[in-house]
Amino acid sequence: MVKKISVLALAGLLALPALASAGAGGAAGTADVQAQVDALTKQLNALKAQMADIKTSQDQKFEAFDAKSEKWDMASRIQLSGDFRARGDYYSADTKAYNPLFVAIDPLAGTKTYNPGMFVPANMVTMPAASYKNNSDFTNRFRLDMRAKALEDVEFKGRLAMYKTWGHQDNPTALPGMTGLDANWDGNATRQPNDSILRVDRAFVNWNNIGGVPVWFSIGRRPTTDGPPNQLRMNSDERMATPTAVMDYPFDGVSVGYAYNNLFGMQDAPGRVRFCWGRGFESGLNQTDVGSDQGINDTDFAGVSWDIYKKGNRFAYLQSFVAMDLMNYPSFSDAMTNAFYDTAMGGRKNIGNLYHTSGVYSDKYQNLNYFGMLGWSRTDPNDMGMMNDFSGVANTKSENGYVMHVGARYDIQDSPFKLGAEYNHGSKYWVAMTPGHDDLYASKLAARGNVYEVYGIYDIPGGEAVSKYGKAFIRLGYQHYDYNYTGSGDWNMMPVKMDDVATTFSMTPPVESADQVYMTFEAAF
């Protein structure tokens, strides 16, 4: 339009000399010229008005575009990604014959009756060995990740999660003898199948580059699940959180960290170290009158998490932490269960501390990914005792436990298939802080014994990834649990060798072995 106006104006200007020449013919010519000049003037004025209208219209369009671009910018601040997993499991477990500590249940009173011969072996009541099986347990898990910056160096990260069993709005994975302290912890709210509610799995804010140096502060619900080396069997492209053998628990807390590029003078050897503190259990309001003993202390975590070396596929890690003022049992959602523990165990009480230290090393050679992990746990009981037997005398002795975990995954070249195998062993007194495990029934890394796992991954050839997060795959795996001692994952009761369970007492049927087959269909977006 502007080009057309310019051409008309130029034509008018070029015509003026010819009109002036024609005016030399007399007054009539002059009058004609004047009329044509007036007409051209009107046309120019009309063109100016039209140009003004066009400019106004363009300004309005630009203002509207600016308004939309601001909204686009606001929307683009929040980065969204997520994943969905459908999973099917087959599970079977065999228990040993044992002597129950409790033999009668009163569902109305919410209590259980002590075995009348609990301190008299001649009067023991033996329960026979039994088998448990679930031929098909299907679950859906949906997780939505989000990330946004409030300031250049202040960012928010969060994840919402829904995890439920098909045809169920509760957790149907209760396993006799193995539910233990996995039940109803704050740390497994989004980690075990429940209802269809979308819950907060992670939510924290990072303040990075404090004072212009590589120091950061972070506060909120911590990303402390699915850590190394779980990224291999979960087919993740990056390492996640802290090692799972010693901390698979999404607690609330803070951390202060420092990142470096050169380790002990070695050039280009990056890593980071951070101090973490958090709350594992909030005891609430307690009575504090003189002479009263009506409450318990909070359970807190504190420790150091050190990525010693983290570059490419090579990763070396060390972690050490303490869980302070552990209680003898968590808060169960079932009122009868709470009443039973209040009656049988004298109410919920703090019983001591638990110490953990572990190291992980992982790397890749050509198409072979591999890792190794060693861990140590130590109970530090108060006068209530930890790992007590049924003698009536509290065990105030510290017990040391150990774990070993090794594995590898081979990515078949020019193929969508990956094959992996893992093995872990826990000693008699090994205690893992893993209520947030992803093994459905029982945490394999909490086992006092041996667990063998093999799996295969098939990356679905569904075309190019739409984003950097995009992938879809099928995972098929098998786990075999071979328990050497009772009470895996529990710091309350003294572990008993499986061959000796018939000569002592147990609160629940002791699982001797278990087999689990699982298949998943997963998509990340």
Protein backbone atom coordinates (compact mmCIF):
# COMPACT_ATOMS: atom_id res chain seq x y z
CA MET A 1 0.00 0.00 0.00
CA VAL A 2 2.83 2.44 0.88
CA LYS A 3 4.54 1.57 -2.39
CA LYS A 4 1.33 2.37 -4.36
CA ILE A 5 0.99 5.77 -2.62
CA SER A 6 4.59 6.64 -3.41
CA VAL A 7 4.09 5.81 -7.13
CA LEU A 8 0.98 8.03 -7.37
CA ALA A 9 2.71 10.92 -5.67
CA LEU A 10 5.72 10.57 -7.98
CA ALA A 11 3.46 10.52 -11.06
CA GLY A 12 1.81 13.71 -9.90
CA LEU A 13 5.11 15.46 -9.40
CA LEU A 14 6.33 14.38 -12.83
CA ALA A 15 3.16 15.79 -14.38
CA LEU A 16 3.66 19.30 -12.93
CA PRO A 17 6.24 20.47 -15.48
CA ALA A 18 3.99 19.44 -18.36
CA LEU A 19 1.08 21.28 -16.82
CA ALA A 20 3.17 24.37 -16.36
CA SER A 21 4.14 24.30 -20.05
CA ALA A 22 0.54 24.06 -21.07
CA GLY A 23 -0.18 27.19 -19.00
CA ALA A 24 1.86 29.31 -21.38
CA GLY A 25 -1.10 29.17 -23.78
CA GLY A 26 -3.17 31.75 -21.87
CA ALA A 27 -5.50 32.30 -18.99
CA ALA A 28 -7.61 29.31 -19.91
CA GLY A 29 -4.56 27.12 -19.69
CA THR A 30 -3.66 28.64 -16.37
CA ALA A 31 -7.11 27.89 -15.02
CA ASP A 32 -6.84 24.29 -16.18
CA VAL A 33 -3.48 23.91 -14.56
CA GLN A 34 -4.78 25.36 -11.30
CA ALA A 35 -7.72 22.95 -11.35
CA GLN A 36 -5.42 20.01 -11.90
CA VAL A 37 -3.09 21.21 -9.12
CA ASP A 38 -6.07 21.51 -6.79
CA ALA A 39 -7.18 18.01 -7.72
CA LEU A 40 -3.71 16.62 -7.10
CA THR A 41 -3.57 18.43 -3.78
CA LYS A 42 -6.84 16.80 -2.73
CA GLN A 43 -5.49 13.42 -3.81
CA LEU A 44 -2.30 13.98 -1.81
CA ASN A 45 -4.31 15.01 1.24
CA ALA A 46 -6.48 11.92 0.85
CA LEU A 47 -3.36 9.78 0.53
CA LYS A 48 -1.89 11.36 3.67
CA ALA A 49 -5.08 10.58 5.57
CA GLN A 50 -5.03 7.02 4.27
CA MET A 51 -1.39 6.63 5.34
CA ALA A 52 -2.29 7.92 8.80
CA ASP A 53 -5.08 5.34 9.03
CA ILE A 54 -2.68 2.60 7.95
CA LYS A 55 -0.12 3.70 10.55
CA THR A 56 -2.79 3.67 13.28
CA SER A 57 -3.90 0.21 12.24
CA GLN A 58 -0.32 -1.05 12.19
CA ASP A 59 0.35 0.44 15.64
CA GLN A 60 -2.73 -1.32 17.00
CA LYS A 61 -1.58 -4.63 15.50
CA PHE A 62 1.89 -4.18 16.96
CA GLU A 63 0.40 -3.38 20.38
CA ALA A 64 -1.77 -6.50 20.20
CA PHE A 65 1.25 -8.56 19.15
CA ASP A 66 3.29 -7.14 22.03
CA ALA A 67 0.50 -8.05 24.45
CA LYS A 68 0.38 -11.61 23.09
CA SER A 69 4.15 -11.95 23.13
CA GLU A 70 4.17 -10.99 26.80
CA LYS A 71 1.68 -13.77 27.49
CA TRP A 72 3.76 -16.17 25.43
CA ASP A 73 6.81 -15.18 27.45
CA MET A 74 4.94 -15.74 30.71
CA ALA A 75 3.83 -19.18 29.54
CA SER A 76 7.29 -20.17 28.31
CA ARG A 77 8.79 -19.48 31.74
CA ILE A 78 7.39 -22.80 33.00
CA GLN A 79 8.99 -25.86 31.44
CA LEU A 80 6.82 -28.95 31.62
CA SER A 81 7.76 -32.59 31.11
CA GLY A 82 6.55 -35.88 32.50
CA ASP A 83 6.21 -39.61 32.18
CA PHE A 84 3.58 -42.35 32.29
CA ARG A 85 4.09 -45.99 33.22
CA ALA A 86 1.71 -48.94 33.03
CA ARG A 87 3.09 -51.96 34.86
CA GLY A 88 2.03 -55.53 35.44
CA ASP A 89 3.48 -57.79 38.15
CA TYR A 90 3.39 -61.44 39.09
CA TYR A 91 4.52 -62.13 42.66
CA SER A 92 4.89 -65.24 44.83
CA ALA A 93 6.41 -65.71 48.28
CA ASP A 94 7.06 -68.66 50.59
CA THR A 95 7.18 -68.29 54.36
CA LYS A 96 8.78 -70.50 57.01
CA ALA A 97 6.98 -72.21 59.87
CA TYR A 98 7.22 -69.96 62.92
CA ASN A 99 5.96 -69.25 66.44
CA PRO A 100 3.68 -66.20 66.45
CA LEU A 101 4.13 -63.57 69.10
CA PHE A 102 0.39 -62.88 68.89
CA VAL A 103 -2.23 -65.52 68.22
CA ALA A 104 -5.64 -63.87 68.75
CA ILE A 105 -7.10 -60.76 67.13
CA ASP A 106 -9.93 -58.65 68.55
CA PRO A 107 -11.01 -56.41 65.64
CA LEU A 108 -13.46 -54.47 67.81
CA ALA A 109 -10.93 -53.59 70.48
CA GLY A 110 -8.15 -53.28 67.91
CA THR A 111 -5.80 -55.49 69.89
CA LYS A 112 -3.93 -58.78 69.58
CA THR A 113 -3.37 -61.32 72.34
CA TYR A 114 0.13 -62.26 73.36
CA ASN A 115 1.19 -65.85 72.82
CA PRO A 116 0.65 -67.28 76.32
CA GLY A 117 3.92 -69.17 76.07
CA MET A 118 6.06 -66.37 74.66
CA PHE A 119 8.64 -66.83 77.39
CA VAL A 120 8.04 -70.58 77.80
CA PRO A 121 9.35 -72.47 74.75
CA ALA A 122 7.48 -75.62 75.74
CA ASN A 123 4.20 -73.82 75.16
CA MET A 124 5.05 -72.38 71.74
CA VAL A 125 2.28 -72.36 69.16
CA THR A 126 3.78 -73.20 65.75
CA MET A 127 2.28 -71.75 62.58
CA PRO A 128 2.89 -73.83 59.45
CA ALA A 129 4.78 -72.65 56.41
CA ALA A 130 2.63 -70.91 53.82
CA SER A 131 2.73 -69.58 50.25
CA TYR A 132 1.37 -66.28 48.92
CA LYS A 133 0.74 -65.33 45.31
CA ASN A 134 -0.68 -62.54 43.19
CA ASN A 135 -0.97 -63.69 39.57
CA SER A 136 -1.55 -60.20 38.17
CA ASP A 137 -1.22 -56.80 39.78
CA PHE A 138 -1.53 -53.90 37.32
CA THR A 139 -0.61 -50.30 38.16
CA ASN A 140 -0.62 -46.88 36.48
CA ARG A 141 1.87 -44.17 37.41
CA PHE A 142 1.73 -40.62 36.04
CA ARG A 143 4.28 -37.94 36.95
CA LEU A 144 4.36 -34.29 35.86
CA ASP A 145 7.63 -32.37 36.18
CA MET A 146 7.86 -28.60 36.13
CA ARG A 147 10.62 -26.04 36.26
CA ALA A 148 10.49 -22.23 36.38
CA LYS A 149 12.79 -19.33 37.22
CA ALA A 150 11.71 -16.61 39.62
CA LEU A 151 14.98 -14.73 39.17
CA GLU A 152 18.04 -15.38 37.06
CA ASP A 153 19.63 -17.37 39.90
CA VAL A 154 16.49 -18.53 41.73
CA GLU A 155 14.53 -21.43 40.25
CA PHE A 156 11.72 -23.77 41.25
CA LYS A 157 11.56 -27.47 40.47
CA GLY A 158 8.65 -29.75 41.23
CA ARG A 159 6.99 -33.04 40.40
CA LEU A 160 3.43 -34.23 40.91
CA ALA A 161 2.69 -37.95 40.94
CA MET A 162 -0.28 -40.32 40.81
CA TYR A 163 0.35 -44.01 41.39
CA LYS A 164 -2.52 -46.47 41.72
CA THR A 165 -3.45 -50.10 41.23
CA TRP A 166 -6.02 -51.05 38.63
CA GLY A 167 -9.38 -51.62 40.30
CA HIS A 168 -8.22 -50.36 43.69
CA GLN A 169 -8.11 -47.06 45.59
CA ASP A 170 -5.74 -48.30 48.28
CA ASN A 171 -2.37 -50.04 48.60
CA PRO A 172 -2.88 -53.78 47.97
CA THR A 173 0.82 -54.69 48.20
CA ALA A 174 0.86 -55.59 51.90
CA LEU A 175 3.15 -58.58 52.30
CA PRO A 176 3.16 -60.65 55.51
CA GLY A 177 6.47 -60.29 57.27
CA MET A 178 7.82 -57.65 54.91
CA THR A 179 5.60 -54.57 55.23
CA GLY A 180 7.54 -53.63 58.36
CA LEU A 181 8.47 -49.97 58.51
CA ASP A 182 7.62 -49.41 54.85
CA ALA A 183 4.00 -48.86 55.88
CA ASN A 184 2.59 -45.34 55.79
CA TRP A 185 5.82 -43.38 56.05
CA ASP A 186 5.78 -39.82 54.74
CA GLY A 187 8.59 -40.97 52.46
CA ASN A 188 6.42 -43.36 50.43
CA ALA A 189 3.29 -41.22 49.91
CA THR A 190 3.94 -41.11 46.15
CA ARG A 191 6.17 -44.17 45.96
CA GLN A 192 3.73 -47.02 46.58
CA PRO A 193 0.40 -47.66 44.84
CA ASN A 194 -2.45 -45.78 46.46
CA ASP A 195 -5.47 -43.91 45.10
CA SER A 196 -5.86 -41.74 41.97
CA ILE A 197 -5.02 -38.43 43.68
CA LEU A 198 -2.19 -36.34 42.20
CA ARG A 199 0.26 -35.67 45.06
CA VAL A 200 3.38 -33.55 45.45
CA ASP A 201 6.38 -35.83 45.01
CA ARG A 202 9.03 -33.11 44.79
CA ALA A 203 8.89 -29.33 45.29
CA PHE A 204 11.94 -27.21 46.04
CA VAL A 205 13.60 -23.88 45.25
CA ASN A 206 17.28 -23.47 44.39
CA TRP A 207 19.19 -20.23 44.95
CA ASN A 208 22.23 -20.62 42.71
CA ASN A 209 25.45 -18.67 42.20
CA ILE A 210 25.29 -17.04 45.63
CA GLY A 211 27.71 -14.12 45.81
CA GLY A 212 28.87 -14.84 42.27
CA VAL A 213 30.54 -18.13 43.31
CA PRO A 214 29.40 -21.74 42.63
CA VAL A 215 27.49 -22.05 45.91
CA TRP A 216 23.79 -22.79 46.18
CA PHE A 217 21.04 -23.13 48.74
CA SER A 218 18.00 -25.37 48.27
CA ILE A 219 14.84 -25.83 50.35
CA GLY A 220 11.70 -27.95 49.99
CA ARG A 221 10.72 -31.57 49.38
CA ARG A 222 13.95 -33.20 48.29
CA PRO A 223 14.60 -35.18 45.06
CA THR A 224 16.04 -38.13 46.99
CA THR A 225 14.51 -41.10 45.14
CA ASP A 226 15.56 -43.25 42.18
CA GLY A 227 19.20 -42.32 42.63
CA PRO A 228 22.29 -43.96 41.10
CA PRO A 229 22.57 -46.62 39.86
CA ASN A 230 18.81 -46.94 39.28
CA GLN A 231 18.99 -44.88 36.10
CA LEU A 232 20.31 -47.94 34.25
CA ARG A 233 17.41 -50.32 34.83
CA MET A 234 14.91 -47.43 34.67
CA ASN A 235 16.30 -46.47 31.23
CA SER A 236 16.86 -42.86 32.23
CA ASP A 237 19.25 -40.65 30.28
CA GLU A 238 20.62 -39.00 33.42
CA ARG A 239 21.55 -39.88 36.99
CA MET A 240 18.88 -39.14 39.56
CA ALA A 241 19.20 -38.07 43.22
CA THR A 242 21.23 -39.98 45.80
CA PRO A 243 22.19 -43.70 45.85
CA THR A 244 19.13 -45.81 46.57
CA ALA A 245 20.70 -48.34 48.95
CA VAL A 246 21.08 -45.81 51.73
CA MET A 247 18.51 -43.12 50.93
CA ASP A 248 15.40 -43.74 48.86
CA TYR A 249 13.16 -41.40 50.79
CA PRO A 250 11.61 -38.10 49.57
CA PHE A 251 11.93 -36.09 52.79
CA ASP A 252 11.48 -32.35 53.38
CA GLY A 253 14.59 -30.33 54.13
CA VAL A 254 17.40 -28.01 53.04
CA SER A 255 20.83 -28.33 51.49
CA VAL A 256 23.84 -26.05 50.96
CA GLY A 257 26.28 -27.02 48.23
CA TYR A 258 29.48 -26.10 46.44
CA ALA A 259 30.51 -27.07 42.89
CA TYR A 260 34.10 -27.33 41.68
CA ASN A 261 35.89 -28.03 38.39
CA ASN A 262 39.27 -29.21 39.67
CA LEU A 263 39.53 -31.96 42.30
CA PHE A 264 42.64 -31.91 44.51
CA GLY A 265 44.59 -30.06 41.82
CA MET A 266 43.47 -32.32 38.97
CA GLN A 267 42.36 -30.23 36.01
CA ASP A 268 38.93 -30.76 34.49
CA ALA A 269 37.74 -33.01 37.33
CA PRO A 270 34.30 -31.60 38.18
CA GLY A 271 32.14 -32.49 41.16
CA ARG A 272 30.04 -31.05 43.95
CA VAL A 273 29.57 -31.45 47.69
CA ARG A 274 26.53 -30.54 49.77
CA PHE A 275 25.37 -30.64 53.37
CA CYS A 276 21.76 -31.73 53.84
CA TRP A 277 19.33 -31.58 56.74
CA GLY A 278 15.70 -32.64 56.76
CA ARG A 279 12.73 -33.88 58.74
CA GLY A 280 11.72 -37.50 58.39
CA PHE A 281 8.95 -37.45 61.00
CA GLU A 282 7.13 -34.58 62.73
CA SER A 283 6.02 -35.59 66.22
CA GLY A 284 3.52 -32.75 66.63
CA LEU A 285 2.44 -31.10 69.86
CA ASN A 286 3.62 -32.96 72.97
CA GLN A 287 2.87 -32.49 76.66
CA THR A 288 5.87 -31.15 78.54
CA ASP A 289 4.66 -30.99 82.17
CA VAL A 290 7.17 -31.86 84.86
CA GLY A 291 7.19 -35.60 85.36
CA SER A 292 5.19 -36.33 82.19
CA ASP A 293 6.34 -38.58 79.38
CA GLN A 294 3.63 -38.06 76.82
CA GLY A 295 5.44 -37.50 73.56
CA ILE A 296 8.34 -38.30 71.27
CA ASN A 297 10.96 -36.23 69.49
CA ASP A 298 11.00 -35.41 65.79
CA THR A 299 13.03 -37.66 63.51
CA ASP A 300 15.62 -35.62 61.58
CA PHE A 301 18.21 -36.46 58.92
CA ALA A 302 21.61 -34.78 58.58
CA GLY A 303 24.52 -35.68 56.34
CA VAL A 304 26.99 -34.99 53.55
CA SER A 305 26.38 -35.90 49.91
CA TRP A 306 29.52 -35.72 47.73
CA ASP A 307 29.74 -36.16 43.96
CA ILE A 308 33.50 -36.69 44.06
CA TYR A 309 33.84 -36.91 40.27
CA LYS A 310 31.02 -36.41 37.79
CA LYS A 311 31.88 -36.16 34.12
CA GLY A 312 30.42 -38.00 31.16
CA ASN A 313 29.64 -41.60 32.10
CA ARG A 314 32.11 -41.69 34.97
CA PHE A 315 30.67 -41.05 38.41
CA ALA A 316 32.19 -41.47 41.88
CA TYR A 317 30.04 -40.74 44.91
CA LEU A 318 30.24 -40.82 48.71
CA GLN A 319 27.45 -40.21 51.21
CA SER A 320 27.22 -40.27 54.99
CA PHE A 321 24.20 -39.38 57.13
CA VAL A 322 22.47 -39.99 60.44
CA ALA A 323 18.77 -40.49 61.13
CA MET A 324 18.24 -39.07 64.60
CA ASP A 325 15.57 -40.10 67.13
CA LEU A 326 13.99 -42.91 65.17
CA MET A 327 10.73 -44.24 66.56
CA ASN A 328 9.80 -47.87 67.07
CA TYR A 329 7.02 -47.75 64.48
CA PRO A 330 5.49 -45.13 62.16
CA SER A 331 1.96 -43.79 62.13
CA PHE A 332 -0.23 -46.34 60.38
CA SER A 333 -3.45 -45.32 58.66
CA ASP A 334 -5.28 -48.29 60.18
CA ALA A 335 -6.66 -47.47 63.65
CA MET A 336 -6.62 -51.15 64.66
CA THR A 337 -2.95 -51.43 63.75
CA ASN A 338 -2.11 -48.34 65.79
CA ALA A 339 -4.07 -49.68 68.74
CA PHE A 340 -2.29 -53.02 68.43
CA TYR A 341 1.16 -51.43 68.48
CA ASP A 342 0.20 -49.14 71.35
CA THR A 343 -0.86 -52.21 73.34
CA ALA A 344 1.87 -54.64 72.31
CA MET A 345 4.84 -52.26 72.18
CA GLY A 346 3.85 -49.80 74.88
CA GLY A 347 3.13 -46.89 72.57
CA ARG A 348 5.31 -45.11 70.04
CA LYS A 349 8.73 -44.11 71.43
CA ASN A 350 12.09 -42.88 70.26
CA ILE A 351 14.59 -45.72 70.35
CA GLY A 352 17.87 -44.27 69.02
CA ASN A 353 19.83 -43.21 65.94
CA LEU A 354 20.83 -44.89 62.70
CA TYR A 355 24.10 -44.13 60.84
CA HIS A 356 24.76 -44.74 57.15
CA THR A 357 27.76 -44.42 54.84
CA SER A 358 28.05 -45.65 51.25
CA GLY A 359 30.06 -45.24 48.08
CA VAL A 360 29.10 -45.73 44.43
CA TYR A 361 31.22 -45.92 41.28
CA SER A 362 29.79 -46.23 37.79
CA ASP A 363 31.19 -45.90 34.26
CA LYS A 364 30.75 -47.12 30.70
CA TYR A 365 33.09 -49.13 28.47
CA GLN A 366 31.98 -49.01 24.84
CA ASN A 367 28.38 -50.34 25.07
CA LEU A 368 28.68 -51.78 28.58
CA ASN A 369 27.40 -49.72 31.52
CA TYR A 370 28.51 -51.00 34.95
CA PHE A 371 28.48 -50.00 38.62
CA GLY A 372 29.46 -51.11 42.11
CA MET A 373 28.24 -49.96 45.51
CA LEU A 374 29.22 -50.67 49.12
CA GLY A 375 27.25 -49.51 52.16
CA TRP A 376 27.42 -49.61 55.96
CA SER A 377 24.73 -49.08 58.60
CA ARG A 378 25.04 -48.87 62.39
CA THR A 379 22.33 -48.75 65.02
CA ASP A 380 22.85 -46.50 68.05
CA PRO A 381 20.06 -47.39 70.50
CA ASN A 382 18.97 -45.60 73.66
CA ASP A 383 17.75 -47.45 76.74
CA MET A 384 14.65 -48.61 74.80
CA GLY A 385 16.93 -50.71 72.63
CA MET A 386 17.06 -51.49 68.90
CA MET A 387 16.99 -54.93 67.29
CA ASN A 388 15.52 -56.40 70.48
CA ASP A 389 14.76 -60.07 70.96
CA PHE A 390 11.84 -61.32 73.07
CA SER A 391 13.79 -61.86 76.26
CA GLY A 392 12.31 -58.77 77.87
CA VAL A 393 15.76 -57.12 78.09
CA ALA A 394 16.43 -54.18 75.74
CA ASN A 395 19.33 -54.59 73.33
CA THR A 396 21.37 -51.40 73.81
CA LYS A 397 24.31 -52.70 71.81
CA SER A 398 25.16 -51.10 68.44
CA GLU A 399 24.91 -53.47 65.49
CA ASN A 400 26.80 -53.02 62.21
CA GLY A 401 25.33 -54.02 58.87
CA TYR A 402 26.73 -54.09 55.34
CA VAL A 403 25.42 -54.15 51.79
CA MET A 404 26.96 -54.79 48.39
CA HIS A 405 25.29 -54.01 45.05
CA VAL A 406 26.76 -54.62 41.57
CA GLY A 407 25.28 -54.61 38.10
CA ALA A 408 25.70 -53.96 34.39
CA ARG A 409 23.64 -53.12 31.33
CA TYR A 410 24.72 -53.87 27.77
CA ASP A 411 23.27 -51.66 25.04
CA ILE A 412 23.22 -53.75 21.86
CA GLN A 413 24.76 -51.71 19.07
CA ASP A 414 22.46 -50.59 16.22
CA SER A 415 19.55 -52.21 18.05
CA PRO A 416 16.66 -51.02 20.25
CA PHE A 417 17.46 -53.71 22.84
CA LYS A 418 19.34 -53.39 26.15
CA LEU A 419 20.07 -56.25 28.55
CA GLY A 420 20.90 -55.87 32.24
CA ALA A 421 21.63 -57.86 35.39
CA GLU A 422 22.04 -56.87 39.06
CA TYR A 423 22.91 -58.57 42.34
CA ASN A 424 22.81 -57.27 45.90
CA HIS A 425 23.57 -58.80 49.28
CA GLY A 426 22.71 -57.49 52.74
CA SER A 427 24.18 -58.80 55.99
CA LYS A 428 22.36 -59.87 59.17
CA TYR A 429 22.16 -56.39 60.70
CA TRP A 430 21.88 -54.37 57.47
CA VAL A 431 19.24 -51.60 57.67
CA ALA A 432 18.34 -49.59 54.57
CA MET A 433 16.48 -46.26 54.58
CA THR A 434 14.41 -47.18 51.51
CA PRO A 435 10.66 -46.85 52.18
CA GLY A 436 10.43 -45.01 48.84
CA HIS A 437 11.60 -48.04 46.84
CA ASP A 438 10.13 -48.88 43.42
CA ASP A 439 10.03 -52.68 43.80
CA LEU A 440 6.28 -52.78 44.55
CA TYR A 441 6.21 -55.38 47.35
CA ALA A 442 9.58 -55.31 49.11
CA SER A 443 12.70 -53.19 48.69
CA LYS A 444 15.35 -55.41 47.21
CA LEU A 445 18.15 -53.23 48.58
CA ALA A 446 16.80 -53.67 52.12
CA ALA A 447 17.05 -57.48 51.93
CA ARG A 448 19.07 -59.33 54.55
CA GLY A 449 20.16 -61.91 52.06
CA ASN A 450 20.52 -62.05 48.28
CA VAL A 451 18.47 -60.60 45.43
CA TYR A 452 19.09 -61.44 41.78
CA GLU A 453 17.57 -59.44 38.93
CA VAL A 454 17.71 -59.65 35.14
CA TYR A 455 15.88 -57.36 32.74
CA GLY A 456 15.56 -56.33 29.13
CA ILE A 457 14.60 -52.99 27.61
CA TYR A 458 13.11 -52.41 24.18
CA ASP A 459 13.18 -48.81 22.92
CA ILE A 460 10.04 -48.38 20.83
CA PRO A 461 10.86 -47.15 17.29
CA GLY A 462 8.02 -44.61 17.18
CA GLY A 463 9.77 -41.97 15.06
CA GLU A 464 11.85 -38.96 16.06
CA ALA A 465 11.58 -37.64 19.62
CA VAL A 466 9.39 -34.55 19.76
CA SER A 467 11.50 -33.05 22.57
CA LYS A 468 14.71 -33.84 24.45
CA TYR A 469 12.59 -35.69 27.01
CA GLY A 470 10.76 -37.84 24.49
CA LYS A 471 11.13 -41.63 24.59
CA ALA A 472 9.00 -44.76 24.87
CA PHE A 473 10.08 -48.25 25.85
CA ILE A 474 9.02 -51.64 27.22
CA ARG A 475 10.85 -53.22 30.17
CA LEU A 476 10.63 -56.88 31.16
CA GLY A 477 12.33 -58.13 34.31
CA TYR A 478 12.61 -60.92 36.88
CA GLN A 479 13.66 -60.69 40.55
CA HIS A 480 14.45 -63.53 42.95
CA TYR A 481 14.65 -62.79 46.70
CA ASP A 482 16.56 -65.23 48.90
CA TYR A 483 16.39 -64.09 52.54
CA ASN A 484 19.00 -65.28 55.06
CA TYR A 485 17.56 -63.43 58.07
CA THR A 486 14.20 -62.06 59.17
CA GLY A 487 13.19 -58.41 59.56
CA SER A 488 14.63 -56.83 56.41
CA GLY A 489 14.34 -53.06 56.61
CA ASP A 490 13.38 -53.14 60.31
CA TRP A 491 15.47 -51.78 63.19
CA ASN A 492 13.15 -52.99 65.96
CA MET A 493 13.52 -56.77 66.18
CA MET A 494 16.63 -58.92 66.36
CA PRO A 495 17.23 -60.67 63.00
CA VAL A 496 16.77 -64.42 63.18
CA LYS A 497 18.42 -66.87 60.82
CA MET A 498 15.83 -68.54 58.59
CA ASP A 499 16.86 -72.00 59.79
CA ASP A 500 16.13 -70.96 63.39
CA VAL A 501 12.76 -69.21 63.08
CA ALA A 502 10.88 -72.27 64.37
CA THR A 503 12.67 -72.02 67.72
CA THR A 504 11.93 -68.37 68.43
CA PHE A 505 9.06 -65.90 68.12
CA SER A 506 8.09 -63.65 65.23
CA MET A 507 5.46 -60.94 64.92
CA THR A 508 4.72 -61.82 61.29
CA PRO A 509 5.27 -64.78 58.95
CA PRO A 510 8.97 -64.76 57.92
CA VAL A 511 9.37 -64.71 54.13
CA GLU A 512 12.12 -67.10 53.08
CA SER A 513 12.06 -66.55 49.30
CA ALA A 514 10.08 -64.62 46.72
CA ASP A 515 9.87 -64.32 42.94
CA GLN A 516 8.62 -61.35 40.96
CA VAL A 517 8.12 -60.89 37.22
CA TYR A 518 7.26 -57.42 35.92
CA MET A 519 6.58 -55.77 32.59
CA THR A 520 6.22 -52.04 31.98
CA PHE A 521 5.13 -49.83 29.11
CA GLU A 522 6.61 -46.37 29.64
CA ALA A 523 6.58 -43.05 27.84
CA ALA A 524 8.44 -39.86 28.73
CA PHE A 525 7.40 -36.56 27.20
